[in-house]
Amino acid sequence: MKKLAFIGAKSPSRTALLSVAALAAAMVIAGPAAAEGLEKVNQGVENVLSVLNVISVSIVTIAVIVAGYKMAFAHARFIDVVPILGGGILIGAAPQLARFLIN
């Protein structure tokens, strides 16, 4: 009669099977707890994004005001104020880009 591989001495295949079973049991038990933790993290990130939305609107407004002032009163060319406008647009778009990457 042939002896089964999982009975008797601990073979590498038995150890591997027990490890996989323990990992599966841990994943089943930890699943709901991990989902609850991610919900709290998502809520925190949403709060940060709402603050960033408010800040980004004011930054873009200030960038446009500074660029307009330079063009109107300092006789700056458009090419001189492009970095200011570009930086304002990038800062303004950052919260929306973050929201896109999170969702």
N, C-alpha and C. Protein backbone atom coordinates (compact mmCIF):
# COMPACT_ATOMS: atom_id res chain seq x y z
N MET A 1 0.84 -1.17 0.00
CA MET A 1 0.00 0.00 0.00
C MET A 1 0.89 1.24 0.00
N LYS A 2 0.50 2.22 -0.79
CA LYS A 2 1.29 3.44 -0.94
C LYS A 2 0.96 4.42 0.18
N LYS A 3 2.00 5.00 0.76
CA LYS A 3 1.83 5.94 1.85
C LYS A 3 1.57 7.34 1.27
N LEU A 4 0.62 8.07 1.85
CA LEU A 4 0.34 9.43 1.38
C LEU A 4 1.47 10.37 1.76
N ALA A 5 1.69 11.37 0.92
CA ALA A 5 2.81 12.30 1.12
C ALA A 5 2.59 13.21 2.32
N PHE A 6 1.33 13.49 2.69
CA PHE A 6 1.07 14.45 3.76
C PHE A 6 0.98 13.81 5.14
N ILE A 7 1.15 12.51 5.21
CA ILE A 7 1.08 11.82 6.50
C ILE A 7 2.50 11.43 6.90
N GLY A 8 2.81 11.64 8.16
CA GLY A 8 4.13 11.25 8.64
C GLY A 8 5.05 12.44 8.75
N ALA A 9 6.28 12.27 8.27
CA ALA A 9 7.30 13.31 8.39
C ALA A 9 6.90 14.55 7.58
N LYS A 10 7.37 15.72 8.05
CA LYS A 10 7.06 16.97 7.37
C LYS A 10 7.89 17.10 6.10
N SER A 11 7.23 16.99 5.00
CA SER A 11 7.92 17.13 3.72
C SER A 11 7.79 18.58 3.25
N PRO A 12 8.58 18.99 2.28
CA PRO A 12 8.47 20.36 1.76
C PRO A 12 7.10 20.67 1.18
N SER A 13 6.47 19.69 0.55
CA SER A 13 5.14 19.94 -0.02
C SER A 13 4.09 20.13 1.07
N ARG A 14 4.23 19.39 2.18
CA ARG A 14 3.29 19.56 3.29
C ARG A 14 3.45 20.94 3.91
N THR A 15 4.69 21.37 4.09
CA THR A 15 4.95 22.69 4.65
C THR A 15 4.38 23.77 3.74
N ALA A 16 4.55 23.61 2.44
CA ALA A 16 4.02 24.59 1.49
C ALA A 16 2.50 24.63 1.54
N LEU A 17 1.86 23.46 1.63
CA LEU A 17 0.41 23.41 1.69
C LEU A 17 -0.11 24.08 2.96
N LEU A 18 0.53 23.82 4.09
CA LEU A 18 0.12 24.45 5.35
C LEU A 18 0.33 25.96 5.30
N SER A 19 1.40 26.40 4.67
CA SER A 19 1.67 27.84 4.55
C SER A 19 0.59 28.51 3.71
N VAL A 20 0.23 27.90 2.60
CA VAL A 20 -0.82 28.46 1.74
C VAL A 20 -2.15 28.49 2.47
N ALA A 21 -2.47 27.44 3.22
CA ALA A 21 -3.73 27.40 3.97
C ALA A 21 -3.75 28.49 5.04
N ALA A 22 -2.63 28.69 5.73
CA ALA A 22 -2.57 29.73 6.76
C ALA A 22 -2.70 31.11 6.13
N LEU A 23 -2.07 31.33 4.99
CA LEU A 23 -2.17 32.61 4.30
C LEU A 23 -3.60 32.88 3.84
N ALA A 24 -4.26 31.87 3.31
CA ALA A 24 -5.65 32.03 2.87
C ALA A 24 -6.56 32.36 4.05
N ALA A 25 -6.36 31.69 5.18
CA ALA A 25 -7.16 31.96 6.37
C ALA A 25 -6.92 33.38 6.87
N ALA A 26 -5.68 33.83 6.84
CA ALA A 26 -5.37 35.19 7.29
C ALA A 26 -6.01 36.23 6.37
N MET A 27 -6.03 35.96 5.08
CA MET A 27 -6.64 36.90 4.14
C MET A 27 -8.15 36.98 4.33
N VAL A 28 -8.78 35.86 4.63
CA VAL A 28 -10.23 35.85 4.86
C VAL A 28 -10.57 36.63 6.12
N ILE A 29 -9.78 36.46 7.15
CA ILE A 29 -10.04 37.14 8.42
C ILE A 29 -9.73 38.63 8.32
N ALA A 30 -8.64 38.99 7.65
CA ALA A 30 -8.20 40.39 7.60
C ALA A 30 -8.91 41.21 6.54
N GLY A 31 -9.69 40.60 5.66
CA GLY A 31 -10.35 41.32 4.57
C GLY A 31 -11.22 42.47 5.03
N PRO A 32 -12.20 42.24 5.91
CA PRO A 32 -13.06 43.35 6.35
C PRO A 32 -12.29 44.43 7.11
N ALA A 33 -11.30 44.06 7.87
CA ALA A 33 -10.52 45.06 8.61
C ALA A 33 -9.73 45.94 7.65
N ALA A 34 -9.18 45.37 6.60
CA ALA A 34 -8.43 46.15 5.63
C ALA A 34 -9.35 47.10 4.88
N ALA A 35 -10.56 46.68 4.57
CA ALA A 35 -11.50 47.55 3.86
C ALA A 35 -11.87 48.74 4.72
N GLU A 36 -12.05 48.53 6.02
CA GLU A 36 -12.39 49.63 6.92
C GLU A 36 -11.23 50.61 7.02
N GLY A 37 -10.01 50.13 7.06
CA GLY A 37 -8.85 51.01 7.13
C GLY A 37 -8.71 51.86 5.89
N LEU A 38 -8.96 51.28 4.73
CA LEU A 38 -8.87 52.04 3.48
C LEU A 38 -9.95 53.10 3.39
N GLU A 39 -11.10 52.83 3.97
CA GLU A 39 -12.18 53.82 3.95
C GLU A 39 -11.76 55.07 4.72
N LYS A 40 -11.09 54.89 5.85
CA LYS A 40 -10.62 56.04 6.62
C LYS A 40 -9.55 56.81 5.86
N VAL A 41 -8.67 56.10 5.18
CA VAL A 41 -7.62 56.76 4.40
C VAL A 41 -8.24 57.54 3.25
N ASN A 42 -9.22 56.95 2.57
CA ASN A 42 -9.89 57.64 1.46
C ASN A 42 -10.58 58.90 1.94
N GLN A 43 -11.21 58.85 3.10
CA GLN A 43 -11.88 60.03 3.65
C GLN A 43 -10.86 61.12 3.96
N GLY A 44 -9.72 60.75 4.51
CA GLY A 44 -8.67 61.73 4.79
C GLY A 44 -8.13 62.37 3.53
N VAL A 45 -7.93 61.57 2.50
CA VAL A 45 -7.43 62.11 1.23
C VAL A 45 -8.47 63.02 0.59
N GLU A 46 -9.74 62.68 0.69
CA GLU A 46 -10.80 63.54 0.16
C GLU A 46 -10.82 64.89 0.88
N ASN A 47 -10.58 64.89 2.20
CA ASN A 47 -10.52 66.15 2.94
C ASN A 47 -9.36 67.01 2.46
N VAL A 48 -8.21 66.39 2.25
CA VAL A 48 -7.04 67.13 1.75
C VAL A 48 -7.32 67.69 0.37
N LEU A 49 -7.97 66.91 -0.49
CA LEU A 49 -8.27 67.38 -1.84
C LEU A 49 -9.25 68.55 -1.83
N SER A 50 -10.19 68.56 -0.92
CA SER A 50 -11.13 69.69 -0.86
C SER A 50 -10.41 70.97 -0.45
N VAL A 51 -9.45 70.86 0.46
CA VAL A 51 -8.65 72.03 0.84
C VAL A 51 -7.78 72.48 -0.33
N LEU A 52 -7.18 71.53 -1.04
CA LEU A 52 -6.34 71.88 -2.19
C LEU A 52 -7.14 72.55 -3.30
N ASN A 53 -8.40 72.17 -3.48
CA ASN A 53 -9.24 72.82 -4.48
C ASN A 53 -9.41 74.30 -4.17
N VAL A 54 -9.65 74.62 -2.92
CA VAL A 54 -9.82 76.02 -2.52
C VAL A 54 -8.53 76.80 -2.72
N ILE A 55 -7.42 76.20 -2.31
CA ILE A 55 -6.12 76.87 -2.45
C ILE A 55 -5.77 77.06 -3.91
N SER A 56 -6.05 76.07 -4.75
CA SER A 56 -5.66 76.16 -6.16
C SER A 56 -6.40 77.29 -6.87
N VAL A 57 -7.65 77.52 -6.53
CA VAL A 57 -8.39 78.61 -7.16
C VAL A 57 -7.75 79.94 -6.82
N SER A 58 -7.35 80.13 -5.57
CA SER A 58 -6.71 81.40 -5.19
C SER A 58 -5.34 81.55 -5.83
N ILE A 59 -4.57 80.47 -5.97
CA ILE A 59 -3.25 80.54 -6.59
C ILE A 59 -3.37 80.92 -8.07
N VAL A 60 -4.30 80.31 -8.78
CA VAL A 60 -4.49 80.64 -10.19
C VAL A 60 -4.94 82.08 -10.34
N THR A 61 -5.81 82.55 -9.47
CA THR A 61 -6.26 83.94 -9.52
C THR A 61 -5.10 84.89 -9.30
N ILE A 62 -4.25 84.61 -8.33
CA ILE A 62 -3.08 85.45 -8.06
C ILE A 62 -2.12 85.43 -9.25
N ALA A 63 -1.91 84.28 -9.87
CA ALA A 63 -1.01 84.19 -11.02
C ALA A 63 -1.53 85.03 -12.18
N VAL A 64 -2.82 84.98 -12.44
CA VAL A 64 -3.40 85.78 -13.53
C VAL A 64 -3.30 87.27 -13.20
N ILE A 65 -3.52 87.65 -11.95
CA ILE A 65 -3.41 89.06 -11.55
C ILE A 65 -1.99 89.56 -11.73
N VAL A 66 -1.00 88.77 -11.29
CA VAL A 66 0.40 89.18 -11.42
C VAL A 66 0.79 89.29 -12.89
N ALA A 67 0.38 88.33 -13.70
CA ALA A 67 0.70 88.39 -15.13
C ALA A 67 0.04 89.59 -15.79
N GLY A 68 -1.21 89.85 -15.46
CA GLY A 68 -1.89 91.02 -16.01
C GLY A 68 -1.24 92.32 -15.57
N TYR A 69 -0.85 92.41 -14.31
CA TYR A 69 -0.17 93.61 -13.81
C TYR A 69 1.14 93.84 -14.56
N LYS A 70 1.92 92.79 -14.75
CA LYS A 70 3.20 92.94 -15.45
C LYS A 70 3.00 93.38 -16.89
N MET A 71 1.98 92.83 -17.55
CA MET A 71 1.74 93.21 -18.94
C MET A 71 1.20 94.63 -19.04
N ALA A 72 0.35 95.03 -18.11
CA ALA A 72 -0.28 96.35 -18.20
C ALA A 72 0.64 97.47 -17.74
N PHE A 73 1.32 97.28 -16.62
CA PHE A 73 2.06 98.38 -16.03
C PHE A 73 3.57 98.27 -16.17
N ALA A 74 4.10 97.07 -16.28
CA ALA A 74 5.55 96.91 -16.42
C ALA A 74 5.93 96.68 -17.87
N HIS A 75 4.96 96.73 -18.78
CA HIS A 75 5.18 96.56 -20.21
C HIS A 75 5.94 95.28 -20.53
N ALA A 76 5.58 94.21 -19.83
CA ALA A 76 6.20 92.91 -20.09
C ALA A 76 5.52 92.28 -21.30
N ARG A 77 6.31 91.54 -22.05
CA ARG A 77 5.76 90.81 -23.19
C ARG A 77 5.08 89.55 -22.67
N PHE A 78 4.25 88.97 -23.54
CA PHE A 78 3.54 87.75 -23.14
C PHE A 78 4.52 86.63 -22.81
N ILE A 79 5.61 86.56 -23.56
CA ILE A 79 6.60 85.50 -23.33
C ILE A 79 7.24 85.63 -21.95
N ASP A 80 7.24 86.85 -21.40
CA ASP A 80 7.82 87.06 -20.06
C ASP A 80 6.91 86.54 -18.95
N VAL A 81 5.61 86.52 -19.19
CA VAL A 81 4.68 86.09 -18.14
C VAL A 81 4.19 84.65 -18.34
N VAL A 82 4.62 83.99 -19.40
CA VAL A 82 4.21 82.60 -19.62
C VAL A 82 4.62 81.69 -18.46
N PRO A 83 5.85 81.81 -17.90
CA PRO A 83 6.17 80.93 -16.75
C PRO A 83 5.25 81.14 -15.55
N ILE A 84 4.83 82.37 -15.31
CA ILE A 84 3.92 82.64 -14.19
C ILE A 84 2.57 81.97 -14.45
N LEU A 85 2.05 82.15 -15.66
CA LEU A 85 0.76 81.53 -15.99
C LEU A 85 0.85 80.01 -16.01
N GLY A 86 1.95 79.49 -16.54
CA GLY A 86 2.13 78.03 -16.57
C GLY A 86 2.20 77.44 -15.18
N GLY A 87 2.93 78.10 -14.29
CA GLY A 87 3.01 77.62 -12.90
C GLY A 87 1.66 77.67 -12.22
N GLY A 88 0.91 78.74 -12.46
CA GLY A 88 -0.43 78.85 -11.88
C GLY A 88 -1.36 77.76 -12.37
N ILE A 89 -1.26 77.46 -13.66
CA ILE A 89 -2.12 76.41 -14.22
C ILE A 89 -1.73 75.04 -13.66
N LEU A 90 -0.43 74.78 -13.54
CA LEU A 90 0.00 73.49 -12.97
C LEU A 90 -0.45 73.34 -11.52
N ILE A 91 -0.31 74.41 -10.74
CA ILE A 91 -0.74 74.35 -9.34
C ILE A 91 -2.25 74.17 -9.27
N GLY A 92 -2.98 74.85 -10.14
CA GLY A 92 -4.43 74.73 -10.15
C GLY A 92 -4.91 73.36 -10.58
N ALA A 93 -4.15 72.72 -11.46
CA ALA A 93 -4.56 71.40 -11.96
C ALA A 93 -4.14 70.26 -11.02
N ALA A 94 -3.26 70.52 -10.08
CA ALA A 94 -2.73 69.46 -9.21
C ALA A 94 -3.83 68.73 -8.43
N PRO A 95 -4.78 69.41 -7.80
CA PRO A 95 -5.81 68.66 -7.07
C PRO A 95 -6.67 67.78 -7.98
N GLN A 96 -6.97 68.28 -9.17
CA GLN A 96 -7.78 67.48 -10.09
C GLN A 96 -7.01 66.27 -10.59
N LEU A 97 -5.71 66.44 -10.82
CA LEU A 97 -4.87 65.32 -11.23
C LEU A 97 -4.79 64.28 -10.11
N ALA A 98 -4.67 64.76 -8.87
CA ALA A 98 -4.63 63.83 -7.73
C ALA A 98 -5.95 63.08 -7.60
N ARG A 99 -7.06 63.76 -7.77
CA ARG A 99 -8.37 63.10 -7.70
C ARG A 99 -8.50 62.04 -8.79
N PHE A 100 -8.00 62.36 -9.99
CA PHE A 100 -8.04 61.39 -11.10
C PHE A 100 -7.21 60.16 -10.77
N LEU A 101 -6.03 60.36 -10.19
CA LEU A 101 -5.16 59.24 -9.88
C LEU A 101 -5.69 58.39 -8.73
N ILE A 102 -6.38 59.00 -7.77
CA ILE A 102 -6.93 58.26 -6.64
C ILE A 102 -8.13 57.43 -7.07
N ASN A 103 -9.00 58.01 -7.88
CA ASN A 103 -10.20 57.28 -8.33
C ASN A 103 -9.80 56.40 -9.46
